[in-house]
Protein backbone atom coordinates (compact mmCIF):
# COMPACT_ATOMS: atom_id res chain seq x y z
CA MET A 1 0.00 -0.02 -0.07
CA LEU A 2 2.54 2.51 1.07
CA ASN A 3 6.20 2.47 0.35
CA HIS A 4 8.17 1.79 3.48
CA LEU A 5 11.17 3.80 3.20
CA PHE A 6 14.36 2.97 5.21
CA GLY A 7 12.99 0.25 7.45
CA ASP A 8 15.96 -0.02 9.56
CA SER A 9 15.09 0.03 13.26
CA ASP A 10 18.62 1.62 14.18
CA THR A 11 17.53 5.24 13.30
CA ILE A 12 18.76 8.32 14.99
CA GLU A 13 17.25 11.59 15.98
CA SER A 14 16.33 13.96 13.30
CA ASP A 15 19.39 15.92 12.38
CA ASP A 16 20.80 18.14 9.72
CA GLU A 17 23.91 16.12 9.65
CA ILE A 18 24.84 13.01 7.88
CA ASN A 19 27.39 10.61 9.18
CA PRO A 20 30.82 11.18 7.69
CA ASP A 21 31.25 7.52 6.95
CA SER A 22 28.68 7.75 4.13
CA GLN A 23 31.56 8.30 1.75
CA SER A 24 32.54 4.66 2.16
CA ALA A 25 30.63 2.62 -0.48
CA GLU A 26 32.57 -0.48 0.46
CA ARG A 27 31.16 -1.16 3.86
CA GLU A 28 28.60 -4.16 4.46
CA PRO A 29 24.95 -3.23 3.70
CA ILE A 30 22.64 -2.71 6.62
CA LYS A 31 20.43 -5.61 7.55
CA LEU A 32 16.84 -4.71 7.66
CA SER A 33 14.35 -6.35 10.21
CA PRO A 34 12.43 -9.14 8.19
CA SER A 35 9.21 -8.24 10.24
CA ILE A 36 9.08 -4.89 8.56
CA PRO A 37 8.14 -4.68 4.77
CA SER A 38 10.69 -2.42 3.21
CA CYS A 39 11.51 -1.12 -0.08
CA LEU A 40 15.21 -1.06 0.51
CA PRO A 41 16.57 -4.54 -0.57
CA LEU A 42 20.40 -3.77 -0.41
CA HIS A 43 21.38 -6.80 -2.30
CA GLU A 44 24.81 -5.58 -3.12
CA VAL A 45 27.05 -2.67 -2.49
CA MET A 46 27.11 -0.22 -5.35
CA ASN A 47 30.42 0.93 -6.95
CA TYR A 48 29.45 4.49 -6.67
CA GLU A 49 32.39 7.16 -6.06
CA ASN A 50 31.56 10.66 -5.07
CA ASP A 51 32.41 13.58 -7.22
CA GLN A 52 32.81 17.37 -6.66
CA PHE A 53 28.86 17.85 -6.84
CA ASP A 54 28.20 15.30 -4.14
CA ASN A 55 27.54 16.58 -0.48
CA VAL A 56 27.76 13.37 1.05
CA HIS A 57 28.21 14.69 4.56
CA GLN A 58 27.58 18.21 6.08
CA PHE A 59 30.32 20.08 7.78
CA ASP A 60 30.34 19.34 11.41
CA ASP A 61 32.48 20.51 14.46
CA HIS A 62 33.87 17.13 15.05
CA LEU A 63 35.61 17.30 11.76
CA LEU A 64 37.68 20.02 13.13
CA ASP A 65 39.52 17.49 15.29
CA MET A 66 40.73 15.90 12.01
CA ASP A 67 41.57 19.31 10.34
CA ASN A 68 44.87 19.03 8.48
CA SER A 69 44.59 22.34 6.78
CA ARG A 70 47.24 24.93 6.75
CA PRO A 71 47.47 27.59 9.64
CA LEU A 72 45.70 30.79 8.97
CA PHE A 73 49.08 32.50 8.96
CA ASN A 74 52.69 31.75 10.03
CA GLY A 75 52.66 30.92 13.74
CA SER A 76 48.72 30.85 14.02
CA SER A 77 47.17 28.45 16.41
CA ILE A 78 44.12 28.30 14.35
CA THR A 79 43.67 26.75 10.91
CA VAL A 80 42.15 28.24 7.92
CA LYS A 81 39.16 25.70 8.05
CA LYS A 82 38.41 26.42 11.69
CA ALA A 83 38.55 30.20 11.03
CA VAL A 84 36.33 30.02 8.25
CA HIS A 85 33.86 27.74 10.12
CA GLN A 86 33.69 30.16 13.05
CA LEU A 87 33.19 33.20 10.75
CA CYS A 88 30.46 31.34 8.83
CA SER A 89 28.56 30.60 11.98
CA PHE A 90 28.64 34.32 12.91
CA PHE A 91 27.52 35.20 9.44
CA THR A 92 24.67 32.81 9.66
CA ASP A 93 23.64 33.83 13.21
CA PHE A 94 23.24 37.50 12.29
CA ASN A 95 21.84 36.72 8.68
CA ILE A 96 24.62 38.76 6.94
CA ASN A 97 24.36 38.73 3.09
CA LYS A 98 26.90 37.66 0.74
CA SER A 99 28.07 41.10 -0.41
CA THR A 100 28.62 42.20 3.19
CA VAL A 101 30.36 38.91 4.00
CA VAL A 102 32.87 39.41 1.03
CA ASN A 103 33.49 43.04 2.24
CA LEU A 104 34.00 42.03 5.82
CA LEU A 105 36.36 39.17 4.86
CA ARG A 106 38.57 41.73 2.87
CA ILE A 107 38.87 43.99 5.91
CA ILE A 108 39.69 41.05 8.24
CA LYS A 109 42.33 39.96 5.68
CA THR A 110 43.95 43.35 5.73
CA LEU A 111 44.23 43.26 9.62
CA LEU A 112 45.75 39.78 9.85
CA PRO A 113 49.53 39.24 9.58
CA LYS A 114 50.90 38.83 5.99
CA PRO A 115 50.86 36.37 4.36
CA ASN A 116 47.62 34.90 5.45
CA GLN A 117 45.27 32.27 3.86
CA LEU A 118 41.86 33.69 4.68
CA PRO A 119 39.72 33.37 1.67
CA THR A 120 37.81 36.62 0.55
CA SER A 121 35.25 35.19 -1.94
CA TRP A 122 32.19 32.93 -1.55
CA GLU A 123 33.92 30.38 -3.86
CA GLY A 124 36.96 30.35 -1.61
CA ILE A 125 34.78 29.72 1.47
CA MET A 126 33.17 26.68 -0.12
CA LYS A 127 36.46 25.35 -1.32
CA VAL A 128 37.87 25.65 2.20
CA LEU A 129 34.93 23.68 3.77
CA GLY A 130 34.93 21.16 1.20
CA ARG A 131 31.54 21.94 -0.22
CA ALA A 132 30.22 22.32 -3.78
CA SER A 133 27.62 24.71 -4.59
CA THR A 134 24.10 23.08 -5.09
CA SER A 135 22.79 26.00 -7.15
CA ARG A 136 23.51 27.40 -10.55
CA THR A 137 22.59 30.99 -11.48
CA THR A 138 21.86 32.15 -15.08
CA PHE A 139 21.05 35.75 -16.08
CA LEU A 140 18.97 36.21 -19.17
CA CYS A 141 17.96 39.15 -21.29
CA SER A 142 14.34 40.14 -20.43
CA SER A 143 13.84 41.25 -24.12
CA CYS A 144 15.05 38.01 -26.01
CA LEU A 145 15.47 35.65 -23.12
CA LYS A 146 18.96 34.73 -24.30
CA GLN A 147 21.79 34.16 -21.86
CA CYS A 148 23.61 37.45 -20.80
CA GLU A 149 27.48 37.65 -20.64
CA LYS A 150 29.20 39.23 -17.80
CA GLY A 151 31.11 42.57 -18.44
CA ILE A 152 33.51 44.40 -16.27
CA TYR A 153 32.39 45.30 -12.62
CA GLY A 154 29.73 42.50 -12.86
CA THR A 155 27.55 44.28 -15.56
CA LYS A 156 25.46 42.22 -17.83
CA LEU A 157 25.50 42.47 -21.66
CA CYS A 158 23.11 40.88 -24.41
CA HIS A 159 25.08 39.91 -27.50
CA ASN A 160 21.99 38.66 -29.46
CA GLU A 161 22.02 40.71 -32.73
CA LYS A 162 18.44 40.53 -33.19
CA CYS A 163 17.69 41.89 -29.63
CA SER A 164 16.77 45.62 -28.90
CA LEU A 165 19.08 45.54 -25.90
CA LYS A 166 22.23 44.27 -27.53
CA ASN A 167 25.73 45.48 -26.66
CA ARG A 168 24.79 47.74 -23.98
CA THR A 169 24.98 47.60 -20.00
CA MET A 170 21.72 46.28 -18.89
CA LYS A 171 19.59 47.56 -16.02
CA SER A 172 18.66 45.35 -13.20
CA THR A 173 15.09 45.63 -14.33
CA GLU A 174 16.04 44.31 -17.81
CA ILE A 175 17.60 41.10 -16.42
CA VAL A 176 15.90 37.78 -15.56
CA GLU A 177 17.74 35.96 -12.83
CA LEU A 178 17.21 32.25 -13.04
CA VAL A 179 18.48 29.85 -10.47
CA HIS A 180 18.45 26.11 -10.53
CA LEU A 181 19.14 24.04 -7.45
CA ASP A 182 20.32 20.36 -6.87
CA ILE A 183 17.25 18.19 -6.46
CA ARG A 184 19.28 15.09 -5.45
CA ALA A 185 21.27 16.80 -2.79
CA GLN A 186 18.19 18.34 -1.27
CA THR A 187 16.28 15.16 -1.30
CA GLN A 188 19.08 13.34 0.34
CA ALA A 189 19.24 16.05 3.06
CA ILE A 190 15.48 16.04 3.69
CA LEU A 191 15.30 12.30 4.00
CA ALA A 192 18.26 12.13 6.45
CA ARG A 193 16.71 14.67 8.73
CA ASN A 194 13.33 12.77 8.95
CA GLN A 195 14.31 9.13 9.39
CA LEU A 196 11.97 8.80 12.30
CA LEU A 197 9.09 9.74 10.16
CA LEU A 198 9.75 7.14 7.35
CA ASN A 199 8.13 3.77 7.47
CA ARG A 200 5.35 4.97 9.64
CA LYS A 201 2.19 4.05 8.00
CA ASP A 202 0.11 4.76 11.19
CA LEU A 203 0.91 8.52 10.94
CA TYR A 204 -0.83 9.03 7.48
CA PRO A 205 -4.58 10.04 7.53
CA MET A 206 -6.68 7.77 5.38
CA THR A 207 -7.42 10.60 3.17
CA ASP A 208 -3.85 11.20 2.23
CA VAL A 209 -2.59 11.02 -1.31
CA CYS A 210 -0.51 7.88 -0.47
CA PHE A 211 -3.79 6.03 -0.13
CA GLY A 212 -5.05 7.15 -3.57
CA GLU A 213 -5.62 4.76 -6.49
CA TYR A 214 -2.86 6.37 -8.64
CA TYR A 215 -0.15 6.43 -5.98
CA ARG A 216 -0.99 2.80 -5.04
CA THR A 217 -0.83 1.69 -8.58
CA GLN A 218 2.37 3.49 -9.34
CA SER A 219 4.10 2.35 -6.34
CA SER A 220 3.35 -1.29 -6.42
CA GLY A 221 6.69 -3.16 -7.41
CA THR A 222 8.67 0.08 -7.23
CA ILE A 223 11.71 -0.07 -4.94
CA ASN A 224 12.77 2.89 -2.78
CA ARG A 225 10.32 5.36 -4.43
CA VAL A 226 10.51 9.00 -3.57
CA THR A 227 7.54 11.12 -5.03
CA LEU A 228 7.45 14.72 -5.67
CA ILE A 229 4.42 17.14 -5.62
CA VAL A 230 5.39 20.06 -7.56
CA HIS A 231 3.96 23.48 -6.84
CA THR A 232 4.64 27.09 -7.86
CA ASP A 233 3.35 30.59 -7.67
CA GLY A 234 4.46 34.22 -8.02
CA ALA A 235 4.90 36.93 -5.44
CA PRO A 236 5.87 40.60 -5.65
CA LEU A 237 9.38 41.17 -4.60
CA VAL A 238 10.13 44.83 -5.18
CA LYS A 239 7.23 47.27 -5.36
CA LEU A 240 9.05 50.19 -6.92
CA SER A 241 10.56 48.23 -9.88
CA LYS A 242 7.51 45.87 -10.19
CA GLN A 243 9.92 42.89 -9.99
CA SER A 244 8.41 39.52 -8.83
CA ILE A 245 9.77 36.15 -7.83
CA TRP A 246 8.45 32.71 -8.99
CA PRO A 247 9.73 29.99 -6.97
CA CYS A 248 9.17 26.17 -8.08
CA PHE A 249 8.89 23.93 -5.10
CA ALA A 250 8.36 20.20 -4.34
CA SER A 251 7.30 18.19 -1.36
CA LEU A 252 7.86 14.50 -0.69
CA VAL A 253 4.74 12.25 -0.46
CA GLU A 254 6.70 9.80 1.51
CA LEU A 255 6.85 12.33 4.43
CA THR A 256 3.89 12.29 6.77
CA PRO A 257 1.67 15.39 6.75
CA PRO A 258 2.24 17.99 8.03
CA ALA A 259 5.92 17.28 8.06
CA ARG A 260 5.93 17.30 4.28
CA GLU A 261 4.93 20.95 4.26
CA TYR A 262 7.40 22.28 6.66
CA GLN A 263 9.72 24.83 5.00
CA LYS A 264 12.87 22.74 5.84
CA ASN A 265 11.37 19.78 4.14
CA ILE A 266 10.54 21.52 0.84
CA VAL A 267 12.70 20.95 -2.16
CA LEU A 268 13.51 24.13 -3.87
CA LEU A 269 13.69 23.30 -7.77
CA SER A 270 14.20 26.65 -9.18
CA LEU A 271 13.70 30.50 -9.07
CA TRP A 272 12.75 33.05 -11.48
CA THR A 273 13.21 36.84 -10.53
CA SER A 274 12.12 39.50 -13.12
CA LYS A 275 9.62 42.12 -14.00
CA MET A 276 8.04 39.76 -16.46
CA LYS A 277 6.17 36.43 -15.97
CA PRO A 278 8.28 33.33 -16.45
CA ASP A 279 8.28 31.51 -19.76
CA PRO A 280 7.74 27.94 -18.28
CA ASN A 281 9.74 26.21 -20.94
CA ILE A 282 12.82 28.31 -20.20
CA PHE A 283 12.26 28.58 -16.44
CA LEU A 284 11.83 24.71 -15.87
CA GLN A 285 14.14 23.54 -18.52
CA GLU A 286 16.99 22.52 -16.35
CA THR A 287 14.64 21.29 -13.66
CA ILE A 288 12.68 19.06 -16.12
CA GLU A 289 16.03 17.60 -17.55
CA GLU A 290 17.15 16.74 -14.06
CA LEU A 291 13.95 15.28 -13.16
CA LYS A 292 13.94 13.32 -16.25
CA SER A 293 17.35 12.00 -15.54
CA LEU A 294 16.45 10.99 -12.15
CA ILE A 295 13.08 9.37 -13.21
CA ASN A 296 14.70 7.31 -16.00
CA ALA A 297 18.08 6.34 -14.53
CA GLY A 298 17.49 6.71 -10.81
CA THR A 299 20.03 7.73 -8.35
CA SER A 300 21.46 6.87 -4.98
CA ILE A 301 21.53 8.65 -1.54
CA PHE A 302 23.49 8.12 1.67
CA ILE A 303 21.55 7.56 4.95
CA ASN A 304 23.42 6.70 8.13
CA GLY A 305 26.50 5.82 5.97
CA GLN A 306 24.63 3.38 3.74
CA GLU A 307 23.81 3.88 0.13
CA TYR A 308 20.50 3.28 -1.25
CA GLU A 309 19.18 3.27 -4.71
CA ILE A 310 16.29 5.62 -5.34
CA THR A 311 13.48 5.58 -7.70
CA LEU A 312 12.01 9.12 -8.27
CA ARG A 313 8.46 9.78 -9.57
CA THR A 314 6.19 12.91 -9.72
CA GLN A 315 2.66 12.77 -8.41
CA TYR A 316 1.03 16.01 -9.66
CA PHE A 317 1.63 19.81 -10.19
CA VAL A 318 -0.41 22.14 -8.03
CA SER A 319 -0.93 25.92 -8.41
CA ASP A 320 -3.68 28.48 -8.41
CA LEU A 321 -5.68 28.83 -11.71
CA PRO A 322 -3.77 31.78 -13.30
CA ALA A 323 -0.44 30.01 -12.60
CA LYS A 324 -1.89 26.75 -14.09
CA ALA A 325 -2.75 28.35 -17.22
CA LEU A 326 0.59 29.98 -17.53
CA PHE A 327 2.58 26.74 -16.97
CA CYS A 328 0.27 24.38 -18.79
CA LYS A 329 0.08 26.85 -21.74
CA THR A 330 -3.90 27.05 -21.73
CA ILE A 331 -6.43 29.75 -21.86
CA ASN A 332 -7.13 31.38 -18.43
CA PHE A 333 -9.88 29.88 -16.26
CA ASN A 334 -12.40 32.74 -17.33
CA GLY A 335 -11.97 32.23 -21.16
CA TYR A 336 -13.30 29.82 -23.76
CA SER A 337 -12.36 26.17 -23.67
CA ALA A 338 -10.89 26.69 -20.23
CA CYS A 339 -11.89 23.41 -18.87
CA SER A 340 -9.03 20.72 -18.69
CA GLU A 341 -11.46 17.94 -18.06
CA CYS A 342 -13.96 18.17 -20.82
CA CYS A 343 -14.34 19.80 -24.25
CA SER A 344 -16.91 22.43 -23.38
CA THR A 345 -16.17 25.80 -25.13
CA GLY A 346 -18.49 28.08 -22.99
CA GLU A 347 -20.39 31.14 -24.38
CA TRP A 348 -20.56 34.89 -23.84
CA SER A 349 -23.06 36.21 -21.36
CA THR A 350 -24.01 39.62 -22.52
CA GLU A 351 -25.91 40.13 -19.09
CA ASN A 352 -22.74 39.60 -16.92
CA ASN A 353 -20.07 40.28 -19.47
CA VAL A 354 -18.21 36.84 -18.64
CA VAL A 355 -17.88 33.59 -20.38
CA VAL A 356 -20.23 31.03 -18.75
CA TYR A 357 -20.56 27.24 -19.10
CA PRO A 358 -24.36 26.40 -18.86
CA PHE A 359 -24.89 22.99 -17.59
CA THR A 360 -27.43 22.08 -20.12
CA ARG A 361 -25.44 23.08 -23.16
CA ASN A 362 -21.96 21.87 -22.03
CA ASN A 363 -19.98 19.47 -24.29
CA LEU A 364 -19.05 16.84 -21.71
CA THR A 365 -16.76 14.81 -23.82
CA PRO A 366 -13.57 14.12 -21.79
CA ARG A 367 -10.36 15.42 -22.93
CA THR A 368 -7.71 12.77 -23.26
CA HIS A 369 -4.09 12.99 -22.86
CA SER A 370 -3.54 12.23 -26.67
CA THR A 371 -6.01 14.77 -27.84
CA TYR A 372 -4.48 17.30 -25.52
CA LEU A 373 -0.99 16.58 -27.05
CA ASN A 374 -2.26 16.96 -30.70
CA ALA A 375 -4.01 20.25 -29.80
CA ALA A 376 -0.85 21.45 -28.17
CA LYS A 377 1.29 20.53 -31.08
CA GLU A 378 -1.04 22.15 -33.64
CA ALA A 379 -1.05 25.31 -31.48
CA GLN A 380 2.76 25.29 -31.44
CA THR A 381 2.86 24.86 -35.15
CA LYS A 382 0.52 27.71 -35.94
CA SER A 383 2.00 30.18 -33.30
CA ILE A 384 3.84 32.80 -35.33
CA ARG A 385 6.60 35.30 -34.08
CA GLY A 386 5.75 34.43 -30.52
CA LYS A 387 2.06 35.11 -30.86
CA ALA A 388 0.23 32.27 -29.26
CA VAL A 389 -2.64 30.64 -31.17
CA SER A 390 -5.21 28.76 -29.11
CA ILE A 391 -6.50 25.37 -30.26
CA GLY A 392 -9.33 24.20 -28.12
CA GLY A 393 -8.12 26.42 -25.20
CA ILE A 394 -4.48 25.11 -25.55
CA LYS A 395 -1.69 27.51 -26.65
CA GLY A 396 1.36 25.11 -27.05
CA LEU A 397 3.33 22.34 -25.54
CA SER A 398 4.21 22.72 -21.92
CA THR A 399 7.66 21.40 -20.66
CA LEU A 400 5.82 19.93 -17.74
CA LEU A 401 4.06 17.33 -20.14
CA GLN A 402 7.52 15.59 -20.16
CA VAL A 403 7.02 14.50 -16.58
CA SER A 404 3.22 14.55 -16.00
CA LYS A 405 0.04 13.96 -17.88
CA ILE A 406 -2.27 16.68 -17.99
CA GLN A 407 -5.56 15.26 -16.81
CA ILE A 408 -4.22 13.15 -13.86
CA HIS A 409 -1.39 15.42 -12.42
CA PHE A 410 -2.40 19.02 -12.90
CA VAL A 411 -4.39 20.48 -10.01
CA GLY A 412 -5.63 24.21 -9.96
CA PHE A 413 -7.49 26.00 -7.34
């Protein structure tokens, strides 16, 4: 019925840290209790080696005892790593932004004896702590949505010859900031923090999604399944410049409610910051590619020093109706052919000046996934110079269709 994830009874308290022994893939598999049905059959140890993008363990104080890094300066009793760790703790406690951090590090570096090894950039800090960044930031031109190139002093330039903003320094309001975050690393950290909530079928209400027909059908025979509920919405960011931020999140079905909705248990997939609304195919391109890779090829994560093979799936996409229309590339909810369930076209009400759907005159023929795709492809073909053409209320192919089916997986409210 419900996938029993990590059935090992020897769990630890919920924590942000992962055992440093997790880097060893050569140790014996954990023996699971035969009385607990589990979806973690560790038949053999995987020959997996960590690369620079894997955060197998978090930085912890006890690692300072094994710190073999260089002294901060000649004759110093403190190492570079310990100094950086203490400074980072201070920056975090007082919520200091990155720009201020860099300026403060430069001042401290000038006050220390020379030469000294204190890093003065965020990349240098990450390198000292042995951490790889889990996010990638791309800057796009808001006019042509092509990637900008960095100029001197951090300025952004668009070199697209067909763009009206080409070859000139761009204002912040003319730039789209697009951030993509590592899904696998976040999923591993969330599961490691919530081991006590995994394999607890008694904590799920009977109305939860995990008891639904679709989830149960998809989960049968699936080993170590992790299921994502994807959701997104927009919010104003800067009132004066009218910039807004569009985050795309995901929550894990395998976590019990309400824990799956806690902020610390939400996977942040990507961010879009701009004056303009996002183009979903550009906004979610990297996210969809990573999801497809994880869905098709699977991945592995480390919990308590043991490696587990994981199968990733998506359950459904949730948003309000305006965001649903934007990301699904359909007509808004108050337009013609706006229903994603049936083929009703609606009619104009002169009395109320709105499109209405009279019960007695609706076309209740259900939409199918195949007819939806055909209409989307036709609309995509007929769209000229960026002007969308609606075919049965559908304006084009949404990138979300690569990981979800429209009738089953898209929910608007």
